[in-house]
Amino acid sequence: MNVTITPEAARFYKQEVLSNKKHPLRFFVRVGGVGSGGFSVGVSKENPTSHCYQTTVEGITFFITEDDAWYFEGMTIDYNEDLNMMIFTNPQFEDINHPEQ
């Protein structure tokens, strides 16, 4: 699986979600979401299961299960400090909020 989580994004999650504690984070596909009308990225503090993709950035283990891999394949997860928001881009979807498989 090819997903990129930038150091800036990892630091954002460390500060805002983990309170600087090291705990694995799971990215998953959410149906709906504020303003999306389609799909969005969910995040939860969980331990990795078998059959998942894992990567470690800035000391944080991020993982995605096989069931959600279709949405994250090729995605870049970044944090834009100037806009104070997470940026999710994926060239496989023209519209990340309404992807077609």
PDB file of N, CA and C in Angstrom:
ATOM      1  N   MET A   1       0.850  -1.183   0.000  1.00  0.00           N
ATOM      2  CA  MET A   1       0.000   0.000   0.000  1.00  0.00           C
ATOM      3  C   MET A   1       0.885   1.232   0.000  1.00  0.00           C
ATOM      4  N   ASN A   2       0.445   2.226  -0.730  1.00  0.00           N
ATOM      5  CA  ASN A   2       1.207   3.453  -0.846  1.00  0.00           C
ATOM      6  C   ASN A   2       0.391   4.614  -0.281  1.00  0.00           C
ATOM      7  N   VAL A   3       0.714   5.030   0.926  1.00  0.00           N
ATOM      8  CA  VAL A   3       0.092   6.199   1.541  1.00  0.00           C
ATOM      9  C   VAL A   3       1.221   7.017   2.168  1.00  0.00           C
ATOM     10  N   THR A   4       1.121   8.332   2.043  1.00  0.00           N
ATOM     11  CA  THR A   4       2.146   9.216   2.602  1.00  0.00           C
ATOM     12  C   THR A   4       1.536  10.042   3.718  1.00  0.00           C
ATOM     13  N   ILE A   5       2.163   9.984   4.877  1.00  0.00           N
ATOM     14  CA  ILE A   5       1.779  10.819   6.012  1.00  0.00           C
ATOM     15  C   ILE A   5       2.968  11.719   6.280  1.00  0.00           C
ATOM     16  N   THR A   6       2.793  13.000   6.104  1.00  0.00           N
ATOM     17  CA  THR A   6       3.914  13.925   6.259  1.00  0.00           C
ATOM     18  C   THR A   6       4.265  14.099   7.734  1.00  0.00           C
ATOM     19  N   PRO A   7       5.507  14.486   8.004  1.00  0.00           N
ATOM     20  CA  PRO A   7       5.886  14.775   9.391  1.00  0.00           C
ATOM     21  C   PRO A   7       5.001  15.847  10.032  1.00  0.00           C
ATOM     22  N   GLU A   8       4.574  16.827   9.237  1.00  0.00           N
ATOM     23  CA  GLU A   8       3.698  17.880   9.765  1.00  0.00           C
ATOM     24  C   GLU A   8       2.360  17.308  10.218  1.00  0.00           C
ATOM     25  N   ALA A   9       1.817  16.385   9.431  1.00  0.00           N
ATOM     26  CA  ALA A   9       0.559  15.741   9.807  1.00  0.00           C
ATOM     27  C   ALA A   9       0.742  14.902  11.069  1.00  0.00           C
ATOM     28  N   ALA A  10       1.834  14.158  11.138  1.00  0.00           N
ATOM     29  CA  ALA A  10       2.090  13.323  12.312  1.00  0.00           C
ATOM     30  C   ALA A  10       2.216  14.182  13.572  1.00  0.00           C
ATOM     31  N   ARG A  11       2.906  15.302  13.463  1.00  0.00           N
ATOM     32  CA  ARG A  11       3.043  16.191  14.622  1.00  0.00           C
ATOM     33  C   ARG A  11       1.696  16.776  15.036  1.00  0.00           C
ATOM     34  N   PHE A  12       0.842  17.091  14.057  1.00  0.00           N
ATOM     35  CA  PHE A  12      -0.500  17.588  14.375  1.00  0.00           C
ATOM     36  C   PHE A  12      -1.267  16.535  15.175  1.00  0.00           C
ATOM     37  N   TYR A  13      -1.277  15.306  14.693  1.00  0.00           N
ATOM     38  CA  TYR A  13      -2.000  14.248  15.403  1.00  0.00           C
ATOM     39  C   TYR A  13      -1.404  13.992  16.782  1.00  0.00           C
ATOM     40  N   LYS A  14      -0.091  14.069  16.879  1.00  0.00           N
ATOM     41  CA  LYS A  14       0.561  13.863  18.177  1.00  0.00           C
ATOM     42  C   LYS A  14       0.100  14.915  19.177  1.00  0.00           C
ATOM     43  N   GLN A  15       0.040  16.154  18.743  1.00  0.00           N
ATOM     44  CA  GLN A  15      -0.333  17.257  19.639  1.00  0.00           C
ATOM     45  C   GLN A  15      -1.838  17.302  19.915  1.00  0.00           C
ATOM     46  N   GLU A  16      -2.655  17.155  18.872  1.00  0.00           N
ATOM     47  CA  GLU A  16      -4.099  17.358  19.012  1.00  0.00           C
ATOM     48  C   GLU A  16      -4.878  16.115  19.432  1.00  0.00           C
ATOM     49  N   VAL A  17      -4.400  14.942  19.065  1.00  0.00           N
ATOM     50  CA  VAL A  17      -5.152  13.723  19.341  1.00  0.00           C
ATOM     51  C   VAL A  17      -4.524  12.910  20.473  1.00  0.00           C
ATOM     52  N   LEU A  18      -3.210  12.876  20.489  1.00  0.00           N
ATOM     53  CA  LEU A  18      -2.530  11.989  21.434  1.00  0.00           C
ATOM     54  C   LEU A  18      -1.983  12.693  22.666  1.00  0.00           C
ATOM     55  N   SER A  19      -2.037  13.990  22.721  1.00  0.00           N
ATOM     56  CA  SER A  19      -1.454  14.742  23.838  1.00  0.00           C
ATOM     57  C   SER A  19       0.004  14.343  24.059  1.00  0.00           C
ATOM     58  N   ASN A  20       0.730  14.192  22.943  1.00  0.00           N
ATOM     59  CA  ASN A  20       2.152  13.850  22.934  1.00  0.00           C
ATOM     60  C   ASN A  20       2.463  12.466  23.488  1.00  0.00           C
ATOM     61  N   LYS A  21       1.466  11.604  23.668  1.00  0.00           N
ATOM     62  CA  LYS A  21       1.706  10.222  24.062  1.00  0.00           C
ATOM     63  C   LYS A  21       1.801   9.374  22.808  1.00  0.00           C
ATOM     64  N   LYS A  22       2.592   8.331  22.876  1.00  0.00           N
ATOM     65  CA  LYS A  22       2.724   7.432  21.733  1.00  0.00           C
ATOM     66  C   LYS A  22       1.649   6.363  21.818  1.00  0.00           C
ATOM     67  N   HIS A  23       0.707   6.421  20.918  1.00  0.00           N
ATOM     68  CA  HIS A  23      -0.347   5.434  20.823  1.00  0.00           C
ATOM     69  C   HIS A  23      -0.643   5.249  19.339  1.00  0.00           C
ATOM     70  N   PRO A  24      -0.886   4.037  18.885  1.00  0.00           N
ATOM     71  CA  PRO A  24      -1.210   3.845  17.463  1.00  0.00           C
ATOM     72  C   PRO A  24      -2.509   4.550  17.083  1.00  0.00           C
ATOM     73  N   LEU A  25      -2.555   5.030  15.851  1.00  0.00           N
ATOM     74  CA  LEU A  25      -3.753   5.668  15.323  1.00  0.00           C
ATOM     75  C   LEU A  25      -4.209   4.923  14.071  1.00  0.00           C
ATOM     76  N   ARG A  26      -5.495   4.688  14.001  1.00  0.00           N
ATOM     77  CA  ARG A  26      -6.082   4.029  12.839  1.00  0.00           C
ATOM     78  C   ARG A  26      -6.781   5.068  11.972  1.00  0.00           C
ATOM     79  N   PHE A  27      -6.475   5.063  10.679  1.00  0.00           N
ATOM     80  CA  PHE A  27      -7.229   5.833   9.700  1.00  0.00           C
ATOM     81  C   PHE A  27      -8.277   4.897   9.104  1.00  0.00           C
ATOM     82  N   PHE A  28      -9.506   5.395   8.966  1.00  0.00           N
ATOM     83  CA  PHE A  28     -10.551   4.584   8.377  1.00  0.00           C
ATOM     84  C   PHE A  28     -11.459   5.457   7.527  1.00  0.00           C
ATOM     85  N   VAL A  29     -12.237   4.818   6.669  1.00  0.00           N
ATOM     86  CA  VAL A  29     -13.166   5.515   5.791  1.00  0.00           C
ATOM     87  C   VAL A  29     -14.460   5.777   6.560  1.00  0.00           C
ATOM     88  N   ARG A  30     -14.857   7.041   6.580  1.00  0.00           N
ATOM     89  CA  ARG A  30     -16.146   7.418   7.174  1.00  0.00           C
ATOM     90  C   ARG A  30     -17.100   7.745   6.042  1.00  0.00           C
ATOM     91  N   VAL A  31     -18.322   7.313   6.187  1.00  0.00           N
ATOM     92  CA  VAL A  31     -19.343   7.693   5.223  1.00  0.00           C
ATOM     93  C   VAL A  31     -19.933   8.995   5.738  1.00  0.00           C
ATOM     94  N   GLY A  32     -19.874  10.022   4.904  1.00  0.00           N
ATOM     95  CA  GLY A  32     -20.333  11.346   5.312  1.00  0.00           C
ATOM     96  C   GLY A  32     -19.205  12.117   5.960  1.00  0.00           C
ATOM     97  N   GLY A  33     -19.553  13.137   6.622  1.00  0.00           N
ATOM     98  CA  GLY A  33     -18.580  14.022   7.237  1.00  0.00           C
ATOM     99  C   GLY A  33     -19.009  15.446   6.988  1.00  0.00           C
ATOM    100  N   VAL A  34     -18.541  16.333   7.786  1.00  0.00           N
ATOM    101  CA  VAL A  34     -18.946  17.731   7.698  1.00  0.00           C
ATOM    102  C   VAL A  34     -18.616  18.272   6.315  1.00  0.00           C
ATOM    103  N   GLY A  35     -19.633  18.631   5.582  1.00  0.00           N
ATOM    104  CA  GLY A  35     -19.464  19.262   4.284  1.00  0.00           C
ATOM    105  C   GLY A  35     -19.018  18.352   3.155  1.00  0.00           C
ATOM    106  N   SER A  36     -18.786  17.068   3.418  1.00  0.00           N
ATOM    107  CA  SER A  36     -18.240  16.222   2.357  1.00  0.00           C
ATOM    108  C   SER A  36     -19.325  15.664   1.451  1.00  0.00           C
ATOM    109  N   GLY A  37     -20.447  15.266   2.019  1.00  0.00           N
ATOM    110  CA  GLY A  37     -21.492  14.667   1.224  1.00  0.00           C
ATOM    111  C   GLY A  37     -21.140  13.291   0.697  1.00  0.00           C
ATOM    112  N   GLY A  38     -19.982  12.775   1.043  1.00  0.00           N
ATOM    113  CA  GLY A  38     -19.551  11.472   0.562  1.00  0.00           C
ATOM    114  C   GLY A  38     -18.754  10.746   1.618  1.00  0.00           C
ATOM    115  N   PHE A  39     -17.447  10.665   1.397  1.00  0.00           N
ATOM    116  CA  PHE A  39     -16.557   9.968   2.313  1.00  0.00           C
ATOM    117  C   PHE A  39     -15.604  10.965   2.966  1.00  0.00           C
ATOM    118  N   SER A  40     -15.103  10.591   4.114  1.00  0.00           N
ATOM    119  CA  SER A  40     -14.080  11.388   4.776  1.00  0.00           C
ATOM    120  C   SER A  40     -13.180  10.460   5.568  1.00  0.00           C
ATOM    121  N   VAL A  41     -12.095  11.008   6.086  1.00  0.00           N
ATOM    122  CA  VAL A  41     -11.122  10.228   6.841  1.00  0.00           C
ATOM    123  C   VAL A  41     -11.477  10.282   8.317  1.00  0.00           C
ATOM    124  N   GLY A  42     -11.607   9.111   8.915  1.00  0.00           N
ATOM    125  CA  GLY A  42     -11.797   9.006  10.352  1.00  0.00           C
ATOM    126  C   GLY A  42     -10.490   8.603  11.005  1.00  0.00           C
ATOM    127  N   VAL A  43     -10.321   8.974  12.271  1.00  0.00           N
ATOM    128  CA  VAL A  43      -9.113   8.649  13.029  1.00  0.00           C
ATOM    129  C   VAL A  43      -9.541   8.159  14.406  1.00  0.00           C
ATOM    130  N   SER A  44      -8.944   7.065  14.855  1.00  0.00           N
ATOM    131  CA  SER A  44      -9.234   6.583  16.205  1.00  0.00           C
ATOM    132  C   SER A  44      -7.975   6.003  16.827  1.00  0.00           C
ATOM    133  N   LYS A  45      -7.930   6.073  18.152  1.00  0.00           N
ATOM    134  CA  LYS A  45      -6.828   5.471  18.898  1.00  0.00           C
ATOM    135  C   LYS A  45      -7.148   3.998  19.088  1.00  0.00           C
ATOM    136  N   GLU A  46      -6.415   3.151  18.386  1.00  0.00           N
ATOM    137  CA  GLU A  46      -6.625   1.705  18.442  1.00  0.00           C
ATOM    138  C   GLU A  46      -5.286   1.016  18.270  1.00  0.00           C
ATOM    139  N   ASN A  47      -5.241  -0.242  18.645  1.00  0.00           N
ATOM    140  CA  ASN A  47      -4.060  -1.051  18.385  1.00  0.00           C
ATOM    141  C   ASN A  47      -4.212  -1.742  17.038  1.00  0.00           C
ATOM    142  N   PRO A  48      -3.123  -1.866  16.293  1.00  0.00           N
ATOM    143  CA  PRO A  48      -3.193  -2.530  14.985  1.00  0.00           C
ATOM    144  C   PRO A  48      -3.654  -3.976  15.110  1.00  0.00           C
ATOM    145  N   THR A  49      -4.357  -4.406  14.097  1.00  0.00           N
ATOM    146  CA  THR A  49      -4.795  -5.791  14.010  1.00  0.00           C
ATOM    147  C   THR A  49      -3.935  -6.488  12.958  1.00  0.00           C
ATOM    148  N   SER A  50      -4.119  -7.782  12.828  1.00  0.00           N
ATOM    149  CA  SER A  50      -3.419  -8.464  11.752  1.00  0.00           C
ATOM    150  C   SER A  50      -4.032  -8.018  10.431  1.00  0.00           C
ATOM    151  N   HIS A  51      -3.311  -8.185   9.365  1.00  0.00           N
ATOM    152  CA  HIS A  51      -3.775  -7.820   8.035  1.00  0.00           C
ATOM    153  C   HIS A  51      -4.067  -6.327   7.897  1.00  0.00           C
ATOM    154  N   CYS A  52      -3.124  -5.510   8.307  1.00  0.00           N
ATOM    155  CA  CYS A  52      -3.274  -4.075   8.116  1.00  0.00           C
ATOM    156  C   CYS A  52      -1.949  -3.494   7.640  1.00  0.00           C
ATOM    157  N   TYR A  53      -2.036  -2.345   6.994  1.00  0.00           N
ATOM    158  CA  TYR A  53      -0.859  -1.615   6.556  1.00  0.00           C
ATOM    159  C   TYR A  53      -0.444  -0.703   7.704  1.00  0.00           C
ATOM    160  N   GLN A  54       0.862  -0.702   8.037  1.00  0.00           N
ATOM    161  CA  GLN A  54       1.366   0.138   9.118  1.00  0.00           C
ATOM    162  C   GLN A  54       2.555   0.960   8.644  1.00  0.00           C
ATOM    163  N   THR A  55       2.646   2.166   9.158  1.00  0.00           N
ATOM    164  CA  THR A  55       3.818   2.997   8.935  1.00  0.00           C
ATOM    165  C   THR A  55       4.034   3.829  10.194  1.00  0.00           C
ATOM    166  N   THR A  56       5.276   4.182  10.438  1.00  0.00           N
ATOM    167  CA  THR A  56       5.600   5.002  11.603  1.00  0.00           C
ATOM    168  C   THR A  56       6.207   6.307  11.122  1.00  0.00           C
ATOM    169  N   VAL A  57       5.632   7.413  11.585  1.00  0.00           N
ATOM    170  CA  VAL A  57       6.099   8.753  11.249  1.00  0.00           C
ATOM    171  C   VAL A  57       6.177   9.554  12.542  1.00  0.00           C
ATOM    172  N   GLU A  58       7.321  10.192  12.774  1.00  0.00           N
ATOM    173  CA  GLU A  58       7.509  11.004  13.981  1.00  0.00           C
ATOM    174  C   GLU A  58       7.202  10.202  15.251  1.00  0.00           C
ATOM    175  N   GLY A  59       7.523   8.912  15.224  1.00  0.00           N
ATOM    176  CA  GLY A  59       7.341   8.063  16.401  1.00  0.00           C
ATOM    177  C   GLY A  59       5.926   7.559  16.609  1.00  0.00           C
ATOM    178  N   ILE A  60       5.004   7.883  15.720  1.00  0.00           N
ATOM    179  CA  ILE A  60       3.614   7.428  15.834  1.00  0.00           C
ATOM    180  C   ILE A  60       3.361   6.340  14.795  1.00  0.00           C
ATOM    181  N   THR A  61       2.762   5.239  15.230  1.00  0.00           N
ATOM    182  CA  THR A  61       2.367   4.190  14.304  1.00  0.00           C
ATOM    183  C   THR A  61       0.960   4.495  13.806  1.00  0.00           C
ATOM    184  N   PHE A  62       0.834   4.605  12.497  1.00  0.00           N
ATOM    185  CA  PHE A  62      -0.452   4.788  11.833  1.00  0.00           C
ATOM    186  C   PHE A  62      -0.776   3.486  11.119  1.00  0.00           C
ATOM    187  N   PHE A  63      -2.057   3.109  11.101  1.00  0.00           N
ATOM    188  CA  PHE A  63      -2.409   1.904  10.364  1.00  0.00           C
ATOM    189  C   PHE A  63      -3.765   2.025   9.693  1.00  0.00           C
ATOM    190  N   ILE A  64      -3.908   1.213   8.638  1.00  0.00           N
ATOM    191  CA  ILE A  64      -5.126   1.163   7.835  1.00  0.00           C
ATOM    192  C   ILE A  64      -5.432  -0.302   7.589  1.00  0.00           C
ATOM    193  N   THR A  65      -6.672  -0.702   7.832  1.00  0.00           N
ATOM    194  CA  THR A  65      -7.041  -2.097   7.609  1.00  0.00           C
ATOM    195  C   THR A  65      -7.234  -2.369   6.122  1.00  0.00           C
ATOM    196  N   GLU A  66      -7.213  -3.638   5.762  1.00  0.00           N
ATOM    197  CA  GLU A  66      -7.404  -4.040   4.365  1.00  0.00           C
ATOM    198  C   GLU A  66      -8.736  -3.547   3.810  1.00  0.00           C
ATOM    199  N   ASP A  67      -9.778  -3.517   4.632  1.00  0.00           N
ATOM    200  CA  ASP A  67     -11.095  -3.089   4.165  1.00  0.00           C
ATOM    201  C   ASP A  67     -11.112  -1.625   3.722  1.00  0.00           C
ATOM    202  N   ASP A  68     -10.227  -0.811   4.273  1.00  0.00           N
ATOM    203  CA  ASP A  68     -10.201   0.616   3.954  1.00  0.00           C
ATOM    204  C   ASP A  68      -9.090   0.999   2.980  1.00  0.00           C
ATOM    205  N   ALA A  69      -8.296   0.023   2.561  1.00  0.00           N
ATOM    206  CA  ALA A  69      -7.133   0.310   1.718  1.00  0.00           C
ATOM    207  C   ALA A  69      -7.514   0.969   0.393  1.00  0.00           C
ATOM    208  N   TRP A  70      -8.663   0.611  -0.178  1.00  0.00           N
ATOM    209  CA  TRP A  70      -9.082   1.160  -1.472  1.00  0.00           C
ATOM    210  C   TRP A  70      -9.135   2.684  -1.460  1.00  0.00           C
ATOM    211  N   TYR A  71      -9.527   3.268  -0.334  1.00  0.00           N
ATOM    212  CA  TYR A  71      -9.683   4.723  -0.245  1.00  0.00           C
ATOM    213  C   TYR A  71      -8.345   5.429  -0.032  1.00  0.00           C
ATOM    214  N   PHE A  72      -7.447   4.787   0.692  1.00  0.00           N
ATOM    215  CA  PHE A  72      -6.189   5.426   1.073  1.00  0.00           C
ATOM    216  C   PHE A  72      -5.044   5.185   0.102  1.00  0.00           C
ATOM    217  N   GLU A  73      -5.184   4.200  -0.794  1.00  0.00           N
ATOM    218  CA  GLU A  73      -4.112   3.899  -1.740  1.00  0.00           C
ATOM    219  C   GLU A  73      -3.759   5.151  -2.545  1.00  0.00           C
ATOM    220  N   GLY A  74      -2.495   5.585  -2.451  1.00  0.00           N
ATOM    221  CA  GLY A  74      -2.017   6.761  -3.174  1.00  0.00           C
ATOM    222  C   GLY A  74      -2.257   8.080  -2.466  1.00  0.00           C
ATOM    223  N   MET A  75      -2.905   8.065  -1.314  1.00  0.00           N
ATOM    224  CA  MET A  75      -3.259   9.295  -0.614  1.00  0.00           C
ATOM    225  C   MET A  75      -2.047   9.927   0.080  1.00  0.00           C
ATOM    226  N   THR A  76      -2.052  11.239   0.123  1.00  0.00           N
ATOM    227  CA  THR A  76      -1.108  11.999   0.943  1.00  0.00           C
ATOM    228  C   THR A  76      -1.907  12.713   2.018  1.00  0.00           C
ATOM    229  N   ILE A  77      -1.472  12.521   3.263  1.00  0.00           N
ATOM    230  CA  ILE A  77      -2.106  13.162   4.408  1.00  0.00           C
ATOM    231  C   ILE A  77      -1.117  14.192   4.925  1.00  0.00           C
ATOM    232  N   ASP A  78      -1.523  15.449   4.898  1.00  0.00           N
ATOM    233  CA  ASP A  78      -0.630  16.556   5.247  1.00  0.00           C
ATOM    234  C   ASP A  78      -1.370  17.523   6.157  1.00  0.00           C
ATOM    235  N   TYR A  79      -0.619  18.389   6.805  1.00  0.00           N
ATOM    236  CA  TYR A  79      -1.193  19.452   7.622  1.00  0.00           C
ATOM    237  C   TYR A  79      -0.667  20.775   7.106  1.00  0.00           C
ATOM    238  N   ASN A  80      -1.579  21.706   6.816  1.00  0.00           N
ATOM    239  CA  ASN A  80      -1.200  23.034   6.352  1.00  0.00           C
ATOM    240  C   ASN A  80      -1.321  23.984   7.530  1.00  0.00           C
ATOM    241  N   GLU A  81      -0.176  24.414   8.042  1.00  0.00           N
ATOM    242  CA  GLU A  81      -0.162  25.276   9.224  1.00  0.00           C
ATOM    243  C   GLU A  81      -0.794  26.632   8.948  1.00  0.00           C
ATOM    244  N   ASP A  82      -0.572  27.176   7.749  1.00  0.00           N
ATOM    245  CA  ASP A  82      -1.150  28.478   7.413  1.00  0.00           C
ATOM    246  C   ASP A  82      -2.681  28.447   7.420  1.00  0.00           C
ATOM    247  N   LEU A  83      -3.246  27.359   6.944  1.00  0.00           N
ATOM    248  CA  LEU A  83      -4.704  27.209   6.925  1.00  0.00           C
ATOM    249  C   LEU A  83      -5.241  26.555   8.196  1.00  0.00           C
ATOM    250  N   ASN A  84      -4.344  26.002   9.010  1.00  0.00           N
ATOM    251  CA  ASN A  84      -4.696  25.281  10.228  1.00  0.00           C
ATOM    252  C   ASN A  84      -5.697  24.157   9.925  1.00  0.00           C
ATOM    253  N   MET A  85      -5.335  23.341   8.916  1.00  0.00           N
ATOM    254  CA  MET A  85      -6.221  22.236   8.566  1.00  0.00           C
ATOM    255  C   MET A  85      -5.454  21.081   7.931  1.00  0.00           C
ATOM    256  N   MET A  86      -6.042  19.897   8.078  1.00  0.00           N
ATOM    257  CA  MET A  86      -5.498  18.715   7.435  1.00  0.00           C
ATOM    258  C   MET A  86      -5.854  18.773   5.957  1.00  0.00           C
ATOM    259  N   ILE A  87      -4.940  18.280   5.121  1.00  0.00           N
ATOM    260  CA  ILE A  87      -5.146  18.241   3.682  1.00  0.00           C
ATOM    261  C   ILE A  87      -5.021  16.782   3.237  1.00  0.00           C
ATOM    262  N   PHE A  88      -6.063  16.250   2.623  1.00  0.00           N
ATOM    263  CA  PHE A  88      -6.078  14.882   2.125  1.00  0.00           C
ATOM    264  C   PHE A  88      -6.167  14.947   0.607  1.00  0.00           C
ATOM    265  N   THR A  89      -5.144  14.443  -0.076  1.00  0.00           N
ATOM    266  CA  THR A  89      -5.161  14.431  -1.536  1.00  0.00           C
ATOM    267  C   THR A  89      -4.913  13.012  -2.022  1.00  0.00           C
ATOM    268  N   ASN A  90      -5.585  12.678  -3.117  1.00  0.00           N
ATOM    269  CA  ASN A  90      -5.415  11.360  -3.692  1.00  0.00           C
ATOM    270  C   ASN A  90      -5.627  11.461  -5.201  1.00  0.00           C
ATOM    271  N   PRO A  91      -4.556  11.286  -5.979  1.00  0.00           N
ATOM    272  CA  PRO A  91      -4.681  11.434  -7.424  1.00  0.00           C
ATOM    273  C   PRO A  91      -5.565  10.381  -8.093  1.00  0.00           C
ATOM    274  N   GLN A  92      -5.878   9.283  -7.397  1.00  0.00           N
ATOM    275  CA  GLN A  92      -6.739   8.271  -8.016  1.00  0.00           C
ATOM    276  C   GLN A  92      -8.202   8.708  -8.056  1.00  0.00           C
ATOM    277  N   PHE A  93      -8.554   9.727  -7.283  1.00  0.00           N
ATOM    278  CA  PHE A  93      -9.927  10.242  -7.271  1.00  0.00           C
ATOM    279  C   PHE A  93      -9.904  11.695  -7.719  1.00  0.00           C
ATOM    280  N   GLU A  94     -10.755  12.022  -8.667  1.00  0.00           N
ATOM    281  CA  GLU A  94     -10.873  13.417  -9.072  1.00  0.00           C
ATOM    282  C   GLU A  94     -11.474  14.242  -7.946  1.00  0.00           C
ATOM    283  N   ASP A  95     -12.444  13.646  -7.247  1.00  0.00           N
ATOM    284  CA  ASP A  95     -13.107  14.313  -6.137  1.00  0.00           C
ATOM    285  C   ASP A  95     -12.988  13.398  -4.912  1.00  0.00           C
ATOM    286  N   ILE A  96     -12.120  13.752  -3.975  1.00  0.00           N
ATOM    287  CA  ILE A  96     -11.838  12.910  -2.808  1.00  0.00           C
ATOM    288  C   ILE A  96     -13.086  12.672  -1.955  1.00  0.00           C
ATOM    289  N   ASN A  97     -14.072  13.573  -2.022  1.00  0.00           N
ATOM    290  CA  ASN A  97     -15.278  13.421  -1.225  1.00  0.00           C
ATOM    291  C   ASN A  97     -16.305  12.505  -1.873  1.00  0.00           C
ATOM    292  N   HIS A  98     -16.178  12.268  -3.171  1.00  0.00           N
ATOM    293  CA  HIS A  98     -17.108  11.408  -3.889  1.00  0.00           C
ATOM    294  C   HIS A  98     -16.339  10.451  -4.791  1.00  0.00           C
ATOM    295  N   PRO A  99     -15.506   9.595  -4.219  1.00  0.00           N
ATOM    296  CA  PRO A  99     -14.668   8.712  -5.055  1.00  0.00           C
ATOM    297  C   PRO A  99     -15.479   7.624  -5.741  1.00  0.00           C
ATOM    298  N   GLU A 100     -15.021   7.271  -6.912  1.00  0.00           N
ATOM    299  CA  GLU A 100     -15.601   6.144  -7.638  1.00  0.00           C
ATOM    300  C   GLU A 100     -14.551   5.061  -7.704  1.00  0.00           C
ATOM    301  N   GLN A 101     -14.920   3.844  -7.358  1.00  0.00           N
ATOM    302  CA  GLN A 101     -13.957   2.738  -7.402  1.00  0.00           C
ATOM    303  C   GLN A 101     -13.793   2.246  -8.816  1.00  0.00           C
TER     304      GLN A 101
END
